[in-house]
Amino acid sequence: MQRPKRVTDLLAFVAVLATVIVLLLIGVAPESLAIVVVAMGGLYGAWLGTGHRQGRDEEQ
């Protein structure tokens, strides 16, 4: 499977950054934002399937 173009990575980064800014502006505690960012990063990684591919590469 081909790795998505860097545009997708940039859009994901901007989406997470915009989400954090909006949450800060509405008054969410900064400690809670760390949980949100880690969860979004994990979901993006799962969507790309990077963890699964790395496991296969190590076996070969």
PDB file of N, CA and C in Angstrom:
ATOM      1  N   MET A   1       0.842  -1.176   0.000  1.00  0.00           N
ATOM      2  CA  MET A   1       0.000   0.000   0.000  1.00  0.00           C
ATOM      3  C   MET A   1       0.892   1.247   0.000  1.00  0.00           C
ATOM      4  N   GLN A   2       0.541   2.231  -0.788  1.00  0.00           N
ATOM      5  CA  GLN A   2       1.328   3.436  -0.929  1.00  0.00           C
ATOM      6  C   GLN A   2       1.040   4.409   0.210  1.00  0.00           C
ATOM      7  N   ARG A   3       2.067   5.077   0.691  1.00  0.00           N
ATOM      8  CA  ARG A   3       1.883   6.064   1.756  1.00  0.00           C
ATOM      9  C   ARG A   3       1.175   7.283   1.176  1.00  0.00           C
ATOM     10  N   PRO A   4       0.166   7.802   1.914  1.00  0.00           N
ATOM     11  CA  PRO A   4      -0.545   8.985   1.417  1.00  0.00           C
ATOM     12  C   PRO A   4       0.401  10.169   1.252  1.00  0.00           C
ATOM     13  N   LYS A   5       0.016  11.070   0.406  1.00  0.00           N
ATOM     14  CA  LYS A   5       0.847  12.239   0.149  1.00  0.00           C
ATOM     15  C   LYS A   5       0.965  13.099   1.401  1.00  0.00           C
ATOM     16  N   ARG A   6       1.969  13.917   1.421  1.00  0.00           N
ATOM     17  CA  ARG A   6       2.216  14.770   2.585  1.00  0.00           C
ATOM     18  C   ARG A   6       1.098  15.773   2.815  1.00  0.00           C
ATOM     19  N   VAL A   7       0.278  16.027   1.823  1.00  0.00           N
ATOM     20  CA  VAL A   7      -0.841  16.950   1.989  1.00  0.00           C
ATOM     21  C   VAL A   7      -1.798  16.410   3.055  1.00  0.00           C
ATOM     22  N   THR A   8      -2.018  15.110   3.050  1.00  0.00           N
ATOM     23  CA  THR A   8      -2.897  14.497   4.052  1.00  0.00           C
ATOM     24  C   THR A   8      -2.311  14.685   5.446  1.00  0.00           C
ATOM     25  N   ASP A   9      -1.008  14.500   5.580  1.00  0.00           N
ATOM     26  CA  ASP A   9      -0.355  14.702   6.871  1.00  0.00           C
ATOM     27  C   ASP A   9      -0.491  16.145   7.330  1.00  0.00           C
ATOM     28  N   LEU A  10      -0.315  17.080   6.412  1.00  0.00           N
ATOM     29  CA  LEU A  10      -0.435  18.494   6.744  1.00  0.00           C
ATOM     30  C   LEU A  10      -1.859  18.831   7.173  1.00  0.00           C
ATOM     31  N   LEU A  11      -2.842  18.318   6.451  1.00  0.00           N
ATOM     32  CA  LEU A  11      -4.237  18.575   6.813  1.00  0.00           C
ATOM     33  C   LEU A  11      -4.573  18.000   8.185  1.00  0.00           C
ATOM     34  N   ALA A  12      -4.058  16.816   8.497  1.00  0.00           N
ATOM     35  CA  ALA A  12      -4.300  16.218   9.815  1.00  0.00           C
ATOM     36  C   ALA A  12      -3.666  17.073  10.909  1.00  0.00           C
ATOM     37  N   PHE A  13      -2.454  17.551  10.676  1.00  0.00           N
ATOM     38  CA  PHE A  13      -1.769  18.406  11.650  1.00  0.00           C
ATOM     39  C   PHE A  13      -2.555  19.695  11.885  1.00  0.00           C
ATOM     40  N   VAL A  14      -2.987  20.325  10.798  1.00  0.00           N
ATOM     41  CA  VAL A  14      -3.742  21.578  10.913  1.00  0.00           C
ATOM     42  C   VAL A  14      -5.078  21.337  11.622  1.00  0.00           C
ATOM     43  N   ALA A  15      -5.725  20.208  11.355  1.00  0.00           N
ATOM     44  CA  ALA A  15      -6.993  19.898  12.012  1.00  0.00           C
ATOM     45  C   ALA A  15      -6.808  19.733  13.513  1.00  0.00           C
ATOM     46  N   VAL A  16      -5.762  19.029  13.927  1.00  0.00           N
ATOM     47  CA  VAL A  16      -5.494  18.854  15.357  1.00  0.00           C
ATOM     48  C   VAL A  16      -5.150  20.194  15.995  1.00  0.00           C
ATOM     49  N   LEU A  17      -4.327  20.976  15.333  1.00  0.00           N
ATOM     50  CA  LEU A  17      -3.950  22.288  15.853  1.00  0.00           C
ATOM     51  C   LEU A  17      -5.174  23.191  15.999  1.00  0.00           C
ATOM     52  N   ALA A  18      -6.035  23.217  14.995  1.00  0.00           N
ATOM     53  CA  ALA A  18      -7.247  24.034  15.061  1.00  0.00           C
ATOM     54  C   ALA A  18      -8.176  23.551  16.177  1.00  0.00           C
ATOM     55  N   THR A  19      -8.265  22.242  16.353  1.00  0.00           N
ATOM     56  CA  THR A  19      -9.101  21.694  17.421  1.00  0.00           C
ATOM     57  C   THR A  19      -8.590  22.138  18.788  1.00  0.00           C
ATOM     58  N   VAL A  20      -7.282  22.076  18.983  1.00  0.00           N
ATOM     59  CA  VAL A  20      -6.696  22.493  20.261  1.00  0.00           C
ATOM     60  C   VAL A  20      -6.946  23.979  20.507  1.00  0.00           C
ATOM     61  N   ILE A  21      -6.780  24.799  19.487  1.00  0.00           N
ATOM     62  CA  ILE A  21      -7.000  26.240  19.647  1.00  0.00           C
ATOM     63  C   ILE A  21      -8.451  26.529  20.014  1.00  0.00           C
ATOM     64  N   VAL A  22      -9.374  25.885  19.332  1.00  0.00           N
ATOM     65  CA  VAL A  22     -10.800  26.091  19.629  1.00  0.00           C
ATOM     66  C   VAL A  22     -11.118  25.636  21.048  1.00  0.00           C
ATOM     67  N   LEU A  23     -10.604  24.489  21.448  1.00  0.00           N
ATOM     68  CA  LEU A  23     -10.862  24.001  22.803  1.00  0.00           C
ATOM     69  C   LEU A  23     -10.279  24.930  23.863  1.00  0.00           C
ATOM     70  N   LEU A  24      -9.101  25.494  23.590  1.00  0.00           N
ATOM     71  CA  LEU A  24      -8.525  26.462  24.531  1.00  0.00           C
ATOM     72  C   LEU A  24      -9.386  27.715  24.629  1.00  0.00           C
ATOM     73  N   LEU A  25      -9.891  28.179  23.490  1.00  0.00           N
ATOM     74  CA  LEU A  25     -10.707  29.396  23.476  1.00  0.00           C
ATOM     75  C   LEU A  25     -12.028  29.222  24.208  1.00  0.00           C
ATOM     76  N   ILE A  26     -12.570  28.005  24.220  1.00  0.00           N
ATOM     77  CA  ILE A  26     -13.845  27.800  24.918  1.00  0.00           C
ATOM     78  C   ILE A  26     -13.640  27.427  26.382  1.00  0.00           C
ATOM     79  N   GLY A  27     -12.374  27.331  26.813  1.00  0.00           N
ATOM     80  CA  GLY A  27     -12.106  27.169  28.233  1.00  0.00           C
ATOM     81  C   GLY A  27     -11.813  25.765  28.724  1.00  0.00           C
ATOM     82  N   VAL A  28     -11.436  24.857  27.849  1.00  0.00           N
ATOM     83  CA  VAL A  28     -11.082  23.506  28.278  1.00  0.00           C
ATOM     84  C   VAL A  28      -9.717  23.555  28.963  1.00  0.00           C
ATOM     85  N   ALA A  29      -9.564  22.790  30.036  1.00  0.00           N
ATOM     86  CA  ALA A  29      -8.297  22.773  30.783  1.00  0.00           C
ATOM     87  C   ALA A  29      -7.167  22.225  29.918  1.00  0.00           C
ATOM     88  N   PRO A  30      -5.989  22.846  29.985  1.00  0.00           N
ATOM     89  CA  PRO A  30      -4.855  22.388  29.167  1.00  0.00           C
ATOM     90  C   PRO A  30      -4.487  20.923  29.412  1.00  0.00           C
ATOM     91  N   GLU A  31      -4.690  20.429  30.650  1.00  0.00           N
ATOM     92  CA  GLU A  31      -4.376  19.029  30.944  1.00  0.00           C
ATOM     93  C   GLU A  31      -5.244  18.082  30.119  1.00  0.00           C
ATOM     94  N   SER A  32      -6.463  18.479  29.876  1.00  0.00           N
ATOM     95  CA  SER A  32      -7.384  17.658  29.084  1.00  0.00           C
ATOM     96  C   SER A  32      -6.984  17.637  27.614  1.00  0.00           C
ATOM     97  N   LEU A  33      -6.352  18.697  27.153  1.00  0.00           N
ATOM     98  CA  LEU A  33      -5.962  18.772  25.747  1.00  0.00           C
ATOM     99  C   LEU A  33      -4.900  17.735  25.395  1.00  0.00           C
ATOM    100  N   ALA A  34      -4.039  17.420  26.346  1.00  0.00           N
ATOM    101  CA  ALA A  34      -3.021  16.405  26.080  1.00  0.00           C
ATOM    102  C   ALA A  34      -3.683  15.076  25.746  1.00  0.00           C
ATOM    103  N   ILE A  35      -4.729  14.735  26.457  1.00  0.00           N
ATOM    104  CA  ILE A  35      -5.454  13.487  26.203  1.00  0.00           C
ATOM    105  C   ILE A  35      -6.090  13.519  24.819  1.00  0.00           C
ATOM    106  N   VAL A  36      -6.668  14.657  24.457  1.00  0.00           N
ATOM    107  CA  VAL A  36      -7.323  14.787  23.158  1.00  0.00           C
ATOM    108  C   VAL A  36      -6.299  14.652  22.023  1.00  0.00           C
ATOM    109  N   VAL A  37      -5.150  15.301  22.158  1.00  0.00           N
ATOM    110  CA  VAL A  37      -4.133  15.266  21.109  1.00  0.00           C
ATOM    111  C   VAL A  37      -3.563  13.862  20.945  1.00  0.00           C
ATOM    112  N   VAL A  38      -3.297  13.181  22.053  1.00  0.00           N
ATOM    113  CA  VAL A  38      -2.777  11.813  21.973  1.00  0.00           C
ATOM    114  C   VAL A  38      -3.804  10.895  21.321  1.00  0.00           C
ATOM    115  N   ALA A  39      -5.072  11.054  21.678  1.00  0.00           N
ATOM    116  CA  ALA A  39      -6.117  10.230  21.079  1.00  0.00           C
ATOM    117  C   ALA A  39      -6.247  10.493  19.583  1.00  0.00           C
ATOM    118  N   MET A  40      -6.211  11.767  19.177  1.00  0.00           N
ATOM    119  CA  MET A  40      -6.317  12.089  17.752  1.00  0.00           C
ATOM    120  C   MET A  40      -5.108  11.564  16.978  1.00  0.00           C
ATOM    121  N   GLY A  41      -3.935  11.665  17.576  1.00  0.00           N
ATOM    122  CA  GLY A  41      -2.735  11.133  16.932  1.00  0.00           C
ATOM    123  C   GLY A  41      -2.805   9.622  16.769  1.00  0.00           C
ATOM    124  N   GLY A  42      -3.315   8.956  17.790  1.00  0.00           N
ATOM    125  CA  GLY A  42      -3.474   7.508  17.711  1.00  0.00           C
ATOM    126  C   GLY A  42      -4.479   7.086  16.661  1.00  0.00           C
ATOM    127  N   LEU A  43      -5.572   7.813  16.575  1.00  0.00           N
ATOM    128  CA  LEU A  43      -6.576   7.509  15.560  1.00  0.00           C
ATOM    129  C   LEU A  43      -6.026   7.730  14.157  1.00  0.00           C
ATOM    130  N   TYR A  44      -5.256   8.791  13.972  1.00  0.00           N
ATOM    131  CA  TYR A  44      -4.659   9.055  12.660  1.00  0.00           C
ATOM    132  C   TYR A  44      -3.659   7.964  12.299  1.00  0.00           C
ATOM    133  N   GLY A  45      -2.864   7.549  13.279  1.00  0.00           N
ATOM    134  CA  GLY A  45      -1.915   6.471  13.043  1.00  0.00           C
ATOM    135  C   GLY A  45      -2.614   5.166  12.689  1.00  0.00           C
ATOM    136  N   ALA A  46      -3.719   4.897  13.367  1.00  0.00           N
ATOM    137  CA  ALA A  46      -4.487   3.685  13.060  1.00  0.00           C
ATOM    138  C   ALA A  46      -5.110   3.778  11.669  1.00  0.00           C
ATOM    139  N   TRP A  47      -5.556   4.966  11.298  1.00  0.00           N
ATOM    140  CA  TRP A  47      -6.154   5.156   9.972  1.00  0.00           C
ATOM    141  C   TRP A  47      -5.119   4.913   8.879  1.00  0.00           C
ATOM    142  N   LEU A  48      -3.876   5.360   9.122  1.00  0.00           N
ATOM    143  CA  LEU A  48      -2.814   5.124   8.150  1.00  0.00           C
ATOM    144  C   LEU A  48      -2.340   3.678   8.172  1.00  0.00           C
ATOM    145  N   GLY A  49      -2.519   3.014   9.293  1.00  0.00           N
ATOM    146  CA  GLY A  49      -2.066   1.635   9.419  1.00  0.00           C
ATOM    147  C   GLY A  49      -0.569   1.540   9.635  1.00  0.00           C
ATOM    148  N   THR A  50       0.057   2.581  10.178  1.00  0.00           N
ATOM    149  CA  THR A  50       1.508   2.586  10.341  1.00  0.00           C
ATOM    150  C   THR A  50       1.977   1.550  11.351  1.00  0.00           C
ATOM    151  N   GLY A  51       1.260   1.365  12.439  1.00  0.00           N
ATOM    152  CA  GLY A  51       1.682   0.404  13.446  1.00  0.00           C
ATOM    153  C   GLY A  51       1.664  -1.012  12.913  1.00  0.00           C
ATOM    154  N   HIS A  52       0.679  -1.347  12.107  1.00  0.00           N
ATOM    155  CA  HIS A  52       0.560  -2.696  11.550  1.00  0.00           C
ATOM    156  C   HIS A  52       1.683  -2.971  10.558  1.00  0.00           C
ATOM    157  N   ARG A  53       2.008  -2.004   9.729  1.00  0.00           N
ATOM    158  CA  ARG A  53       3.071  -2.175   8.736  1.00  0.00           C
ATOM    159  C   ARG A  53       4.434  -2.297   9.400  1.00  0.00           C
ATOM    160  N   GLN A  54       4.678  -1.571  10.467  1.00  0.00           N
ATOM    161  CA  GLN A  54       5.964  -1.636  11.141  1.00  0.00           C
ATOM    162  C   GLN A  54       6.189  -3.026  11.718  1.00  0.00           C
ATOM    163  N   GLY A  55       5.157  -3.630  12.238  1.00  0.00           N
ATOM    164  CA  GLY A  55       5.264  -4.977  12.771  1.00  0.00           C
ATOM    165  C   GLY A  55       5.628  -5.986  11.686  1.00  0.00           C
ATOM    166  N   ARG A  56       5.081  -5.835  10.517  1.00  0.00           N
ATOM    167  CA  ARG A  56       5.391  -6.729   9.405  1.00  0.00           C
ATOM    168  C   ARG A  56       6.825  -6.560   8.938  1.00  0.00           C
ATOM    169  N   ASP A  57       7.300  -5.304   8.868  1.00  0.00           N
ATOM    170  CA  ASP A  57       8.659  -5.054   8.402  1.00  0.00           C
ATOM    171  C   ASP A  57       9.700  -5.666   9.330  1.00  0.00           C
ATOM    172  N   GLU A  58       9.432  -5.664  10.627  1.00  0.00           N
ATOM    173  CA  GLU A  58      10.387  -6.209  11.585  1.00  0.00           C
ATOM    174  C   GLU A  58      10.478  -7.724  11.478  1.00  0.00           C
ATOM    175  N   GLU A  59       9.385  -8.382  11.102  1.00  0.00           N
ATOM    176  CA  GLU A  59       9.369  -9.840  10.993  1.00  0.00           C
ATOM    177  C   GLU A  59      10.162 -10.324   9.787  1.00  0.00           C
ATOM    178  N   GLN A  60      10.195  -9.545   8.721  1.00  0.00           N
ATOM    179  CA  GLN A  60      10.831  -9.989   7.477  1.00  0.00           C
ATOM    180  C   GLN A  60      12.298  -9.800   7.456  1.00  0.00           C
TER     181      GLN A  60
END
